[in-house]
């Protein structure tokens, strides 16, 4: 597995070490987990966005009075 060198300022490293200690993890494990959590967060956001996009039309039809005028599909202007 390739190694990776990451540079931090003294202040940044102090903060990262404190965060790792707060979670009871080594610095190496904390940084590993941080990267994994970020990948999972991005996957979750992409999935949630796709889900919302699939339901947007149904929601807009059910709550037509709630859709901001600038986002209405028929281009209706505000009254």
C-alpha atoms as a PDB file:
ATOM      1  CA  UNK A   1       0.000   0.000   0.000  1.00  0.00           C
ATOM      2  CA  UNK A   2       1.463   3.419  -0.907  1.00  0.00           C
ATOM      3  CA  UNK A   3       2.357   5.800   1.870  1.00  0.00           C
ATOM      4  CA  UNK A   4       1.190   9.369   1.926  1.00  0.00           C
ATOM      5  CA  UNK A   5       2.881  12.416   3.394  1.00  0.00           C
ATOM      6  CA  UNK A   6       0.583  15.141   4.610  1.00  0.00           C
ATOM      7  CA  UNK A   7       1.783  18.508   5.847  1.00  0.00           C
ATOM      8  CA  UNK A   8       0.110  20.529   8.584  1.00  0.00           C
ATOM      9  CA  UNK A   9       1.033  23.779  10.252  1.00  0.00           C
ATOM     10  CA  UNK A  10       1.872  23.423  13.935  1.00  0.00           C
ATOM     11  CA  UNK A  11      -1.531  24.870  14.822  1.00  0.00           C
ATOM     12  CA  UNK A  12      -3.371  22.541  12.447  1.00  0.00           C
ATOM     13  CA  UNK A  13      -1.500  19.502  13.724  1.00  0.00           C
ATOM     14  CA  UNK A  14      -2.307  20.455  17.299  1.00  0.00           C
ATOM     15  CA  UNK A  15      -6.003  20.579  16.399  1.00  0.00           C
ATOM     16  CA  UNK A  16      -5.897  17.256  14.570  1.00  0.00           C
ATOM     17  CA  UNK A  17      -4.080  15.590  17.448  1.00  0.00           C
ATOM     18  CA  UNK A  18      -6.655  16.950  19.900  1.00  0.00           C
ATOM     19  CA  UNK A  19      -9.521  15.668  17.731  1.00  0.00           C
ATOM     20  CA  UNK A  20      -7.886  12.228  17.499  1.00  0.00           C
ATOM     21  CA  UNK A  21      -7.354  12.119  21.256  1.00  0.00           C
ATOM     22  CA  UNK A  22     -10.970  13.144  21.860  1.00  0.00           C
ATOM     23  CA  UNK A  23     -12.077  10.099  19.858  1.00  0.00           C
ATOM     24  CA  UNK A  24      -9.522   7.858  21.588  1.00  0.00           C
ATOM     25  CA  UNK A  25      -7.723   7.138  18.321  1.00  0.00           C
ATOM     26  CA  UNK A  26      -4.181   7.319  17.095  1.00  0.00           C
ATOM     27  CA  UNK A  27      -3.410  10.121  14.680  1.00  0.00           C
ATOM     28  CA  UNK A  28      -3.014   7.580  11.861  1.00  0.00           C
ATOM     29  CA  UNK A  29      -6.361   5.891  12.593  1.00  0.00           C
ATOM     30  CA  UNK A  30      -8.131   9.234  12.969  1.00  0.00           C
ATOM     31  CA  UNK A  31      -6.894  10.494   9.589  1.00  0.00           C
ATOM     32  CA  UNK A  32      -7.824   7.195   7.945  1.00  0.00           C
ATOM     33  CA  UNK A  33     -11.329   7.297   9.405  1.00  0.00           C
ATOM     34  CA  UNK A  34     -11.722  10.939   8.429  1.00  0.00           C
ATOM     35  CA  UNK A  35     -11.079  10.110   4.776  1.00  0.00           C
ATOM     36  CA  UNK A  36     -13.472   7.154   4.868  1.00  0.00           C
ATOM     37  CA  UNK A  37     -16.194   9.261   6.521  1.00  0.00           C
ATOM     38  CA  UNK A  38     -15.811  11.929   3.845  1.00  0.00           C
ATOM     39  CA  UNK A  39     -16.246   9.352   1.083  1.00  0.00           C
ATOM     40  CA  UNK A  40     -19.352   8.009   2.824  1.00  0.00           C
ATOM     41  CA  UNK A  41     -20.719  11.540   3.271  1.00  0.00           C
ATOM     42  CA  UNK A  42     -20.307  12.261  -0.428  1.00  0.00           C
ATOM     43  CA  UNK A  43     -22.075   9.011  -1.339  1.00  0.00           C
ATOM     44  CA  UNK A  44     -24.929   9.864   1.031  1.00  0.00           C
ATOM     45  CA  UNK A  45     -25.318  13.378  -0.375  1.00  0.00           C
ATOM     46  CA  UNK A  46     -25.318  12.061  -3.951  1.00  0.00           C
ATOM     47  CA  UNK A  47     -27.966   9.479  -3.060  1.00  0.00           C
ATOM     48  CA  UNK A  48     -30.115  11.978  -1.184  1.00  0.00           C
ATOM     49  CA  UNK A  49     -29.892  14.440  -4.067  1.00  0.00           C
ATOM     50  CA  UNK A  50     -30.906  11.782  -6.595  1.00  0.00           C
ATOM     51  CA  UNK A  51     -33.813  10.725  -4.362  1.00  0.00           C
ATOM     52  CA  UNK A  52     -34.997  14.332  -3.989  1.00  0.00           C
ATOM     53  CA  UNK A  53     -34.699  14.930  -7.734  1.00  0.00           C
ATOM     54  CA  UNK A  54     -36.860  11.854  -8.440  1.00  0.00           C
ATOM     55  CA  UNK A  55     -39.573  13.087  -6.070  1.00  0.00           C
ATOM     56  CA  UNK A  56     -39.407  16.816  -6.858  1.00  0.00           C
ATOM     57  CA  UNK A  57     -42.150  16.793  -9.517  1.00  0.00           C
ATOM     58  CA  UNK A  58     -44.549  14.786  -7.355  1.00  0.00           C
ATOM     59  CA  UNK A  59     -43.900  17.068  -4.385  1.00  0.00           C
ATOM     60  CA  UNK A  60     -44.296  20.227  -6.474  1.00  0.00           C
ATOM     61  CA  UNK A  61     -47.625  18.949  -7.842  1.00  0.00           C
ATOM     62  CA  UNK A  62     -48.890  18.087  -4.360  1.00  0.00           C
ATOM     63  CA  UNK A  63     -47.823  21.440  -2.914  1.00  0.00           C
ATOM     64  CA  UNK A  64     -48.095  23.758  -5.914  1.00  0.00           C
ATOM     65  CA  UNK A  65     -48.693  26.791  -3.704  1.00  0.00           C
ATOM     66  CA  UNK A  66     -45.409  26.124  -1.898  1.00  0.00           C
ATOM     67  CA  UNK A  67     -43.148  26.179  -4.971  1.00  0.00           C
ATOM     68  CA  UNK A  68     -41.238  29.453  -5.290  1.00  0.00           C
ATOM     69  CA  UNK A  69     -42.372  31.299  -8.448  1.00  0.00           C
ATOM     70  CA  UNK A  70     -38.867  31.282  -9.914  1.00  0.00           C
ATOM     71  CA  UNK A  71     -38.806  27.477  -9.739  1.00  0.00           C
ATOM     72  CA  UNK A  72     -42.288  26.724 -11.093  1.00  0.00           C
ATOM     73  CA  UNK A  73     -42.248  24.589 -14.215  1.00  0.00           C
ATOM     74  CA  UNK A  74     -44.953  26.657 -15.929  1.00  0.00           C
ATOM     75  CA  UNK A  75     -42.971  29.862 -15.411  1.00  0.00           C
ATOM     76  CA  UNK A  76     -45.796  31.453 -13.401  1.00  0.00           C
ATOM     77  CA  UNK A  77     -44.898  34.786 -11.904  1.00  0.00           C
ATOM     78  CA  UNK A  78     -45.609  35.814  -8.346  1.00  0.00           C
ATOM     79  CA  UNK A  79     -49.013  37.391  -7.805  1.00  0.00           C
END
